[in-house]
């Protein structure tokens, strides 16, 4: 019922299309280049969550938003961006490191009553926007648009992950918008491997070093490396060490190693700081290589001591 007879209609069952001039299977209305069969879509502004943030219950989760363009053009007019989340699982705290170039606003949170990200699991969003008068935004690619801090609520533990999604309020003329949502795992592990509510070099620290050296069972866990007030059995302690491997790649090189990650935790728990903490133990392929980065990372997974 589009006014074009079925015999003459290249898409007789699609009222939005009637012709396919380049015979590429994409209707002319939806085809970015209707006369070029090698091109169906135009350039895209792409927004993603950078890296692999961890959601630790009761702690702040910092989410960095990354931006790129499929045609590599760093001189566009800007972007209006909404960042969506589930307020029952995480609570917005603050923007930080917002890209200053042509920044117009950063605001929120707001109720997502229109479901503009088409995800019913997210009910709130914060908004940030950039507009370039002379069309030279953001001037460098890829770009970090902002870091947004959220508090991870207790309810997130039962769900297992939290979602960060995006929608666009405005994007550069001639460009589509691509939002790559991210499901961020909720981390319940801490470095309190013996479960006594505290952390100690000669118990928790040694447990990680031993495990990273390949020791298991009775060779890993004995009364010498468990605090006297630990409520756990040897088997339960080992299970917590195994669970803790998800947070024990401290230098971020993709592996947990006794003489890098294990020693970093051991030194930290003994009170080492500054260059003394990292000297000779950080893997050259690690994504965290300064004492500030490594200290900050380990502190995220320390138990809260009353």
Protein backbone atom coordinates (compact mmCIF):
# COMPACT_ATOMS: atom_id res chain seq x y z
CA UNK A 1 0.00 0.00 0.00
CA UNK A 2 2.82 2.43 -0.83
CA UNK A 3 1.30 3.58 -4.14
CA UNK A 4 3.70 1.55 -6.30
CA UNK A 5 2.43 -1.63 -7.89
CA UNK A 6 4.06 -4.84 -6.76
CA UNK A 7 5.44 -5.64 -10.22
CA UNK A 8 7.33 -2.33 -10.33
CA UNK A 9 8.22 -2.29 -6.60
CA UNK A 10 11.66 -3.63 -5.70
CA UNK A 11 10.34 -4.09 -2.14
CA UNK A 12 6.66 -5.04 -2.48
CA UNK A 13 6.43 -5.95 1.21
CA UNK A 14 8.18 -2.83 2.52
CA UNK A 15 6.15 0.37 2.37
CA UNK A 16 9.24 2.49 3.12
CA UNK A 17 11.13 1.39 -0.02
CA UNK A 18 10.26 1.08 -3.71
CA UNK A 19 13.62 1.14 -5.55
CA UNK A 20 17.13 -0.32 -5.35
CA UNK A 21 19.08 1.63 -7.98
CA UNK A 22 22.41 -0.12 -7.40
CA UNK A 23 20.92 -3.61 -6.86
CA UNK A 24 22.74 -4.14 -3.57
CA UNK A 25 19.67 -5.33 -1.68
CA UNK A 26 19.33 -2.09 0.29
CA UNK A 27 16.49 0.24 -0.68
CA UNK A 28 17.41 3.69 -1.98
CA UNK A 29 15.85 5.46 1.02
CA UNK A 30 17.99 3.56 3.50
CA UNK A 31 21.08 3.37 1.28
CA UNK A 32 23.71 6.01 2.04
CA UNK A 33 25.01 5.72 -1.55
CA UNK A 34 22.02 4.47 -3.63
CA UNK A 35 24.05 4.42 -6.84
CA UNK A 36 27.11 2.63 -5.44
CA UNK A 37 26.63 -1.04 -4.66
CA UNK A 38 29.81 -1.15 -2.55
CA UNK A 39 28.50 1.39 -0.03
CA UNK A 40 25.29 0.98 1.96
CA UNK A 41 25.91 3.07 5.06
CA UNK A 42 27.60 6.35 5.84
CA UNK A 43 30.11 7.36 8.50
CA UNK A 44 29.23 6.86 12.14
CA UNK A 45 30.01 8.54 15.45
CA UNK A 46 30.77 5.70 17.86
CA UNK A 47 30.54 5.87 21.65
CA UNK A 48 31.77 3.06 23.92
CA UNK A 49 32.83 2.37 27.51
CA UNK A 50 36.61 2.44 27.63
CA UNK A 51 38.50 -0.51 29.08
CA UNK A 52 37.01 -2.95 31.56
CA UNK A 53 35.76 -1.18 34.67
CA UNK A 54 34.74 -3.27 37.65
CA UNK A 55 31.62 -2.77 39.72
CA UNK A 56 32.54 -3.35 43.35
CA UNK A 57 29.62 -3.26 45.77
CA UNK A 58 29.83 -0.30 48.12
CA UNK A 59 32.52 1.46 46.10
CA UNK A 60 32.68 4.08 43.36
CA UNK A 61 32.80 2.76 39.81
CA UNK A 62 34.44 5.16 37.34
CA UNK A 63 33.18 4.76 33.78
CA UNK A 64 35.22 6.41 31.04
CA UNK A 65 33.34 7.19 27.81
CA UNK A 66 35.35 6.83 24.61
CA UNK A 67 34.52 8.39 21.21
CA UNK A 68 35.61 7.64 17.65
CA UNK A 69 34.40 8.15 14.07
CA UNK A 70 34.41 5.46 11.39
CA UNK A 71 35.80 7.79 8.71
CA UNK A 72 38.46 9.27 10.99
CA UNK A 73 37.18 12.85 10.76
CA UNK A 74 38.06 14.72 13.96
CA UNK A 75 36.58 18.02 12.76
CA UNK A 76 32.83 17.60 13.22
CA UNK A 77 30.21 19.82 14.82
CA UNK A 78 29.76 17.91 18.07
CA UNK A 79 27.53 15.42 19.81
CA UNK A 80 24.67 15.33 22.29
CA UNK A 81 24.94 12.24 24.47
CA UNK A 82 22.80 10.54 27.10
CA UNK A 83 24.35 7.87 29.35
CA UNK A 84 21.73 5.45 30.68
CA UNK A 85 21.80 3.22 33.77
CA UNK A 86 19.66 1.32 36.29
CA UNK A 87 19.32 3.48 39.41
CA UNK A 88 18.45 0.48 41.59
CA UNK A 89 21.94 -0.93 40.95
CA UNK A 90 24.16 2.14 40.65
CA UNK A 91 23.76 5.74 41.79
CA UNK A 92 25.18 8.68 39.87
CA UNK A 93 27.80 10.61 41.86
CA UNK A 94 29.63 13.04 39.57
CA UNK A 95 31.13 13.88 36.20
CA UNK A 96 34.90 14.18 36.01
CA UNK A 97 37.35 14.81 33.18
CA UNK A 98 34.66 16.05 30.81
CA UNK A 99 36.22 16.91 27.44
CA UNK A 100 36.47 20.70 27.60
CA UNK A 101 36.58 21.27 23.83
CA UNK A 102 33.28 22.98 22.89
CA UNK A 103 31.53 21.55 25.94
CA UNK A 104 28.03 23.01 26.31
CA UNK A 105 26.65 21.16 29.32
CA UNK A 106 26.80 18.16 31.61
CA UNK A 107 23.72 17.55 33.69
CA UNK A 108 21.50 15.02 35.40
CA UNK A 109 20.39 12.60 36.53
CA UNK A 110 17.04 12.52 34.74
CA UNK A 111 14.21 9.98 34.57
CA UNK A 112 14.33 7.98 31.33
CA UNK A 113 10.57 8.17 30.83
CA UNK A 114 10.88 8.04 27.02
CA UNK A 115 13.15 4.96 27.05
CA UNK A 116 15.35 6.70 24.49
CA UNK A 117 17.96 3.92 24.60
CA UNK A 118 15.29 1.26 23.94
CA UNK A 119 16.38 -0.66 27.04
CA UNK A 120 13.72 -1.08 29.71
CA UNK A 121 16.31 -2.18 32.28
CA UNK A 122 17.70 1.38 32.44
CA UNK A 123 15.53 4.00 34.12
CA UNK A 124 17.82 7.03 34.50
CA UNK A 125 20.36 8.94 32.45
CA UNK A 126 22.84 11.79 32.63
CA UNK A 127 23.44 14.12 29.72
CA UNK A 128 26.51 15.79 28.24
CA UNK A 129 26.82 17.81 25.02
CA UNK A 130 29.36 19.48 22.77
CA UNK A 131 28.75 21.98 19.94
CA UNK A 132 31.55 23.35 17.74
CA UNK A 133 30.87 26.72 16.11
CA UNK A 134 33.58 26.20 13.51
CA UNK A 135 33.27 22.42 13.11
CA UNK A 136 36.55 21.24 14.58
CA UNK A 137 35.36 18.85 17.30
CA UNK A 138 36.87 16.98 19.07
CA UNK A 139 40.14 17.73 17.19
CA UNK A 140 41.74 14.38 18.11
CA UNK A 141 40.69 10.73 17.72
CA UNK A 142 39.98 8.62 19.58
CA UNK A 143 38.81 10.97 22.32
CA UNK A 144 37.88 10.49 25.96
CA UNK A 145 34.59 12.34 26.38
CA UNK A 146 34.09 12.08 30.13
CA UNK A 147 34.48 9.92 33.18
CA UNK A 148 31.31 9.33 35.18
CA UNK A 149 31.39 8.09 38.77
CA UNK A 150 28.67 5.78 40.10
CA UNK A 151 28.22 4.21 43.53
CA UNK A 152 27.57 0.47 43.20
CA UNK A 153 24.60 -0.50 45.37
CA UNK A 154 24.11 -3.73 47.34
CA UNK A 155 21.34 -4.83 44.95
CA UNK A 156 23.88 -5.16 42.14
CA UNK A 157 25.37 -8.19 43.87
CA UNK A 158 22.24 -10.26 43.21
CA UNK A 159 22.03 -9.22 39.55
CA UNK A 160 25.68 -9.90 38.74
CA UNK A 161 26.23 -7.06 36.27
CA UNK A 162 25.29 -3.45 35.61
CA UNK A 163 24.56 -1.95 32.20
CA UNK A 164 25.79 1.33 30.76
CA UNK A 165 23.94 2.33 27.59
CA UNK A 166 23.81 5.38 25.37
CA UNK A 167 21.50 7.43 23.19
CA UNK A 168 22.08 10.52 21.10
CA UNK A 169 20.13 13.76 21.38
CA UNK A 170 21.98 15.17 18.36
CA UNK A 171 24.78 13.99 16.11
CA UNK A 172 26.76 15.59 13.30
CA UNK A 173 24.91 16.09 10.01
CA UNK A 174 25.56 13.18 7.64
CA UNK A 175 26.67 10.87 10.45
CA UNK A 176 24.85 8.02 12.11
CA UNK A 177 25.20 7.29 15.82
CA UNK A 178 26.44 3.94 17.14
CA UNK A 179 26.06 3.17 20.82
CA UNK A 180 27.94 0.13 22.11
CA UNK A 181 26.33 -0.70 25.45
CA UNK A 182 28.43 -2.36 28.15
CA UNK A 183 27.50 -4.96 30.76
CA UNK A 184 29.96 -4.50 33.64
CA UNK A 185 30.50 -7.47 35.93
CA UNK A 186 29.86 -6.98 39.63
CA UNK A 187 32.92 -7.99 41.63
CA UNK A 188 32.35 -9.41 45.11
CA UNK A 189 35.92 -10.59 45.72
CA UNK A 190 38.32 -8.76 48.05
CA UNK A 191 41.88 -9.46 49.19
CA UNK A 192 40.54 -10.70 52.54
CA UNK A 193 41.08 -14.31 51.54
CA UNK A 194 40.73 -15.76 55.06
CA UNK A 195 37.46 -13.91 55.68
CA UNK A 196 38.32 -12.29 58.99
CA UNK A 197 37.23 -8.82 57.81
CA UNK A 198 40.78 -7.46 57.71
CA UNK A 199 43.85 -7.75 55.49
CA UNK A 200 47.37 -8.76 56.40
CA UNK A 201 50.60 -9.39 54.51
CA UNK A 202 51.48 -12.65 56.26
CA UNK A 203 48.04 -14.17 55.71
CA UNK A 204 46.17 -12.71 52.74
CA UNK A 205 49.30 -11.54 50.93
CA UNK A 206 51.11 -14.86 51.29
CA UNK A 207 48.02 -16.76 50.18
CA UNK A 208 48.04 -14.96 46.82
CA UNK A 209 51.79 -15.46 46.38
CA UNK A 210 51.50 -19.18 47.16
CA UNK A 211 48.57 -19.69 44.81
CA UNK A 212 50.31 -17.80 42.01
CA UNK A 213 53.31 -20.11 42.50
CA UNK A 214 50.98 -23.06 41.83
CA UNK A 215 50.39 -24.27 45.36
CA UNK A 216 46.97 -25.80 46.06
CA UNK A 217 45.21 -27.74 48.79
CA UNK A 218 47.25 -28.30 51.94
CA UNK A 219 50.31 -26.75 50.32
CA UNK A 220 48.36 -23.51 49.85
CA UNK A 221 46.38 -23.33 53.07
CA UNK A 222 47.54 -24.22 56.54
CA UNK A 223 47.09 -22.65 59.95
CA UNK A 224 50.25 -20.55 59.50
CA UNK A 225 48.64 -18.41 56.78
CA UNK A 226 45.12 -18.12 58.21
CA UNK A 227 44.29 -15.48 60.81
CA UNK A 228 43.34 -16.92 64.19
CA UNK A 229 39.95 -15.19 63.98
CA UNK A 230 39.13 -16.53 60.50
CA UNK A 231 35.66 -18.14 60.38
CA UNK A 232 36.51 -20.19 57.28
CA UNK A 233 37.67 -23.74 56.71
CA UNK A 234 40.79 -24.42 54.67
CA UNK A 235 38.62 -25.34 51.71
CA UNK A 236 36.63 -22.11 51.99
CA UNK A 237 39.82 -20.06 52.14
CA UNK A 238 41.11 -21.71 49.00
CA UNK A 239 37.78 -21.03 47.29
CA UNK A 240 38.12 -17.33 48.15
CA UNK A 241 41.66 -17.26 46.76
CA UNK A 242 40.38 -18.83 43.54
CA UNK A 243 37.56 -16.27 43.37
CA UNK A 244 40.10 -13.55 44.01
CA UNK A 245 41.97 -14.32 40.80
CA UNK A 246 39.50 -12.06 38.98
CA UNK A 247 40.98 -9.05 40.81
CA UNK A 248 44.58 -10.25 41.17
CA UNK A 249 46.04 -9.19 37.82
CA UNK A 250 47.25 -6.07 39.57
CA UNK A 251 49.55 -4.74 36.86
CA UNK A 252 46.96 -5.49 34.16
CA UNK A 253 49.08 -7.59 31.80
CA UNK A 254 46.51 -10.37 31.46
CA UNK A 255 48.11 -12.84 33.88
CA UNK A 256 48.40 -13.32 37.64
CA UNK A 257 52.05 -13.87 38.49
CA UNK A 258 53.67 -14.51 41.86
CA UNK A 259 56.70 -12.26 41.31
CA UNK A 260 54.70 -9.32 39.95
CA UNK A 261 51.10 -9.31 41.17
CA UNK A 262 51.79 -11.40 44.25
CA UNK A 263 54.68 -9.21 45.35
CA UNK A 264 52.72 -6.04 44.62
CA UNK A 265 49.97 -7.11 47.02
CA UNK A 266 52.48 -8.34 49.60
CA UNK A 267 54.44 -5.06 49.47
CA UNK A 268 51.25 -3.02 49.68
CA UNK A 269 50.07 -4.91 52.75
CA UNK A 270 53.50 -4.45 54.35
CA UNK A 271 53.08 -0.70 53.85
CA UNK A 272 55.35 -0.11 50.85
CA UNK A 273 54.46 3.00 48.85
CA UNK A 274 55.71 5.15 45.96
CA UNK A 275 58.44 3.75 43.76
CA UNK A 276 59.36 1.22 46.47
CA UNK A 277 56.02 -0.46 45.80
CA UNK A 278 56.54 -1.11 42.09
CA UNK A 279 60.33 -1.31 41.68
CA UNK A 280 61.29 -4.39 39.68
CA UNK A 281 57.91 -6.12 39.81
CA UNK A 282 55.61 -4.45 37.25
CA UNK A 283 55.32 -6.36 33.98
CA UNK A 284 56.39 -4.26 30.96
CA UNK A 285 53.16 -5.21 29.15
CA UNK A 286 50.96 -4.11 32.04
CA UNK A 287 48.26 -1.49 31.61
CA UNK A 288 48.92 -0.18 35.13
CA UNK A 289 52.55 0.82 35.59
CA UNK A 290 52.70 3.72 38.04
CA UNK A 291 52.55 3.39 41.79
CA UNK A 292 49.51 5.69 41.85
CA UNK A 293 47.56 3.49 39.41
CA UNK A 294 48.51 0.27 41.15
CA UNK A 295 47.82 1.55 44.66
CA UNK A 296 44.44 2.90 43.57
CA UNK A 297 43.58 -0.43 41.93
CA UNK A 298 44.46 -2.53 45.00
CA UNK A 299 42.62 -0.22 47.38
CA UNK A 300 39.38 -0.85 45.46
CA UNK A 301 39.38 -4.46 46.65
CA UNK A 302 40.44 -4.08 50.24
CA UNK A 303 37.79 -5.08 52.80
CA UNK A 304 36.21 -2.27 54.75
CA UNK A 305 37.70 -2.52 58.21
CA UNK A 306 35.45 -1.39 61.05
